[in-house]
N, C-alpha and C. Protein backbone atom coordinates (compact mmCIF):
# COMPACT_ATOMS: atom_id res chain seq x y z
N MET A 1 16.42 -169.67 106.57
CA MET A 1 15.92 -170.68 105.68
C MET A 1 14.42 -170.48 105.41
N ASN A 2 13.69 -170.08 106.41
CA ASN A 2 12.26 -169.84 106.22
C ASN A 2 12.01 -168.64 105.33
N GLY A 3 12.82 -167.58 105.45
CA GLY A 3 12.67 -166.40 104.61
C GLY A 3 12.91 -166.72 103.16
N SER A 4 13.85 -167.60 102.89
CA SER A 4 14.15 -168.02 101.51
C SER A 4 12.97 -168.75 100.90
N ARG A 5 12.34 -169.60 101.70
CA ARG A 5 11.20 -170.35 101.20
C ARG A 5 10.03 -169.41 100.90
N ASN A 6 9.79 -168.43 101.74
CA ASN A 6 8.71 -167.46 101.51
C ASN A 6 8.95 -166.66 100.24
N ARG A 7 10.21 -166.30 100.00
CA ARG A 7 10.52 -165.56 98.77
C ARG A 7 10.26 -166.43 97.54
N ASN A 8 10.61 -167.70 97.62
CA ASN A 8 10.37 -168.60 96.48
C ASN A 8 8.88 -168.78 96.24
N ASP A 9 8.10 -168.88 97.32
CA ASP A 9 6.65 -168.99 97.16
C ASP A 9 6.09 -167.74 96.52
N GLY A 10 6.59 -166.58 96.92
CA GLY A 10 6.14 -165.32 96.33
C GLY A 10 6.49 -165.22 94.86
N GLN A 11 7.67 -165.70 94.51
CA GLN A 11 8.08 -165.67 93.10
C GLN A 11 7.22 -166.63 92.28
N THR A 12 6.92 -167.78 92.86
CA THR A 12 6.09 -168.76 92.16
C THR A 12 4.70 -168.18 91.91
N MET A 13 4.13 -167.54 92.91
CA MET A 13 2.81 -166.93 92.75
C MET A 13 2.85 -165.80 91.72
N SER A 14 3.93 -165.06 91.72
CA SER A 14 4.07 -163.97 90.75
C SER A 14 4.13 -164.52 89.33
N VAL A 15 4.89 -165.59 89.14
CA VAL A 15 4.99 -166.21 87.81
C VAL A 15 3.64 -166.78 87.39
N LEU A 16 2.96 -167.46 88.31
CA LEU A 16 1.65 -168.02 87.97
C LEU A 16 0.64 -166.93 87.62
N PHE A 17 0.65 -165.84 88.38
CA PHE A 17 -0.25 -164.73 88.08
C PHE A 17 0.06 -164.13 86.71
N THR A 18 1.34 -163.97 86.40
CA THR A 18 1.74 -163.42 85.10
C THR A 18 1.30 -164.33 83.97
N MET A 19 1.48 -165.64 84.14
CA MET A 19 1.07 -166.60 83.11
C MET A 19 -0.46 -166.58 82.94
N LEU A 20 -1.18 -166.50 84.05
CA LEU A 20 -2.63 -166.45 83.98
C LEU A 20 -3.10 -165.19 83.27
N LEU A 21 -2.47 -164.07 83.58
CA LEU A 21 -2.82 -162.81 82.93
C LEU A 21 -2.53 -162.88 81.43
N PHE A 22 -1.42 -163.48 81.05
CA PHE A 22 -1.08 -163.65 79.64
C PHE A 22 -2.09 -164.56 78.95
N LEU A 23 -2.53 -165.62 79.63
CA LEU A 23 -3.53 -166.52 79.06
C LEU A 23 -4.85 -165.79 78.83
N VAL A 24 -5.25 -164.96 79.78
CA VAL A 24 -6.48 -164.17 79.61
C VAL A 24 -6.34 -163.24 78.40
N PHE A 25 -5.18 -162.61 78.25
CA PHE A 25 -4.95 -161.73 77.11
C PHE A 25 -5.05 -162.50 75.79
N ILE A 26 -4.44 -163.67 75.73
CA ILE A 26 -4.48 -164.49 74.51
C ILE A 26 -5.92 -164.91 74.20
N MET A 27 -6.67 -165.29 75.22
CA MET A 27 -8.06 -165.69 75.00
C MET A 27 -8.90 -164.52 74.48
N CYS A 28 -8.69 -163.34 75.04
CA CYS A 28 -9.42 -162.16 74.55
C CYS A 28 -9.06 -161.84 73.10
N ALA A 29 -7.78 -161.96 72.77
CA ALA A 29 -7.35 -161.72 71.39
C ALA A 29 -7.98 -162.74 70.45
N LEU A 30 -8.02 -163.99 70.86
CA LEU A 30 -8.60 -165.04 70.03
C LEU A 30 -10.10 -164.80 69.80
N PHE A 31 -10.83 -164.47 70.86
CA PHE A 31 -12.26 -164.20 70.71
C PHE A 31 -12.51 -162.97 69.85
N THR A 32 -11.64 -161.97 69.95
CA THR A 32 -11.79 -160.79 69.11
C THR A 32 -11.61 -161.13 67.63
N VAL A 33 -10.62 -161.94 67.32
CA VAL A 33 -10.38 -162.36 65.93
C VAL A 33 -11.55 -163.20 65.42
N LEU A 34 -12.04 -164.11 66.25
CA LEU A 34 -13.17 -164.94 65.83
C LEU A 34 -14.43 -164.11 65.60
N ALA A 35 -14.69 -163.15 66.47
CA ALA A 35 -15.86 -162.29 66.29
C ALA A 35 -15.70 -161.44 65.03
N GLY A 36 -14.51 -160.93 64.78
CA GLY A 36 -14.25 -160.14 63.58
C GLY A 36 -14.42 -160.96 62.32
N SER A 37 -13.99 -162.21 62.36
CA SER A 37 -14.14 -163.05 61.16
C SER A 37 -15.62 -163.33 60.89
N LYS A 38 -16.42 -163.48 61.94
CA LYS A 38 -17.85 -163.70 61.75
C LYS A 38 -18.51 -162.45 61.15
N VAL A 39 -18.12 -161.29 61.62
CA VAL A 39 -18.65 -160.03 61.07
C VAL A 39 -18.26 -159.91 59.60
N TYR A 40 -17.01 -160.21 59.27
CA TYR A 40 -16.56 -160.15 57.88
C TYR A 40 -17.34 -161.12 57.01
N GLU A 41 -17.58 -162.31 57.53
CA GLU A 41 -18.34 -163.31 56.77
C GLU A 41 -19.76 -162.81 56.49
N ASN A 42 -20.39 -162.20 57.48
CA ASN A 42 -21.75 -161.66 57.29
C ASN A 42 -21.76 -160.52 56.28
N ILE A 43 -20.79 -159.63 56.36
CA ILE A 43 -20.71 -158.52 55.41
C ILE A 43 -20.49 -159.03 54.00
N SER A 44 -19.60 -160.00 53.86
CA SER A 44 -19.32 -160.57 52.54
C SER A 44 -20.57 -161.24 51.95
N SER A 45 -21.27 -161.98 52.78
CA SER A 45 -22.50 -162.65 52.33
C SER A 45 -23.55 -161.64 51.90
N ARG A 46 -23.70 -160.59 52.69
CA ARG A 46 -24.70 -159.56 52.37
C ARG A 46 -24.33 -158.84 51.08
N MET A 47 -23.04 -158.57 50.86
CA MET A 47 -22.63 -157.90 49.63
C MET A 47 -22.86 -158.79 48.41
N ASP A 48 -22.62 -160.10 48.57
CA ASP A 48 -22.88 -161.03 47.47
C ASP A 48 -24.36 -161.06 47.12
N GLN A 49 -25.22 -161.06 48.13
CA GLN A 49 -26.66 -161.06 47.87
C GLN A 49 -27.09 -159.77 47.18
N THR A 50 -26.54 -158.65 47.61
CA THR A 50 -26.89 -157.36 47.01
C THR A 50 -26.41 -157.31 45.56
N TYR A 51 -25.20 -157.81 45.29
CA TYR A 51 -24.66 -157.81 43.93
C TYR A 51 -25.51 -158.69 43.04
N THR A 52 -25.89 -159.87 43.53
CA THR A 52 -26.71 -160.78 42.72
C THR A 52 -28.06 -160.14 42.41
N GLY A 53 -28.65 -159.48 43.39
CA GLY A 53 -29.94 -158.82 43.15
C GLY A 53 -29.80 -157.66 42.19
N SER A 54 -28.72 -156.89 42.28
CA SER A 54 -28.52 -155.74 41.39
C SER A 54 -28.27 -156.19 39.96
N VAL A 55 -27.50 -157.26 39.81
CA VAL A 55 -27.22 -157.76 38.45
C VAL A 55 -28.50 -158.28 37.82
N ALA A 56 -29.33 -158.95 38.57
CA ALA A 56 -30.58 -159.46 38.03
C ALA A 56 -31.50 -158.31 37.62
N VAL A 57 -31.56 -157.27 38.43
CA VAL A 57 -32.42 -156.12 38.10
C VAL A 57 -31.87 -155.40 36.89
N CYS A 58 -30.57 -155.17 36.83
CA CYS A 58 -29.98 -154.49 35.68
C CYS A 58 -30.13 -155.31 34.41
N GLY A 59 -30.02 -156.62 34.52
CA GLY A 59 -30.16 -157.48 33.35
C GLY A 59 -31.56 -157.39 32.77
N GLN A 60 -32.57 -157.27 33.59
CA GLN A 60 -33.95 -157.18 33.12
C GLN A 60 -34.22 -155.83 32.49
N GLN A 61 -33.63 -154.78 33.03
CA GLN A 61 -33.86 -153.45 32.49
C GLN A 61 -33.15 -153.22 31.18
N SER A 62 -32.00 -153.91 30.99
CA SER A 62 -31.20 -153.63 29.81
C SER A 62 -31.66 -154.43 28.57
N THR A 63 -32.61 -155.34 28.73
CA THR A 63 -33.06 -156.10 27.55
C THR A 63 -33.99 -155.22 26.72
N PRO A 64 -33.81 -155.26 25.41
CA PRO A 64 -34.68 -154.44 24.56
C PRO A 64 -36.13 -154.93 24.64
N GLY A 65 -37.02 -154.01 24.75
CA GLY A 65 -38.38 -154.46 24.92
C GLY A 65 -39.33 -153.58 24.31
């Protein structure tokens, strides 16, 4: 009877460890996606600023003068 209880405790610890490891994996994946979205947002913002500046410069050069 004691051996059965020890095996159940070992299985419980194994399941808890597996769940904890899975939770760590999910958290790492979530932080990776969030960091990637922030990088994409910065790149998009920088490209918009560059496009706006280029259009303004081209518009001034193309006017007859």
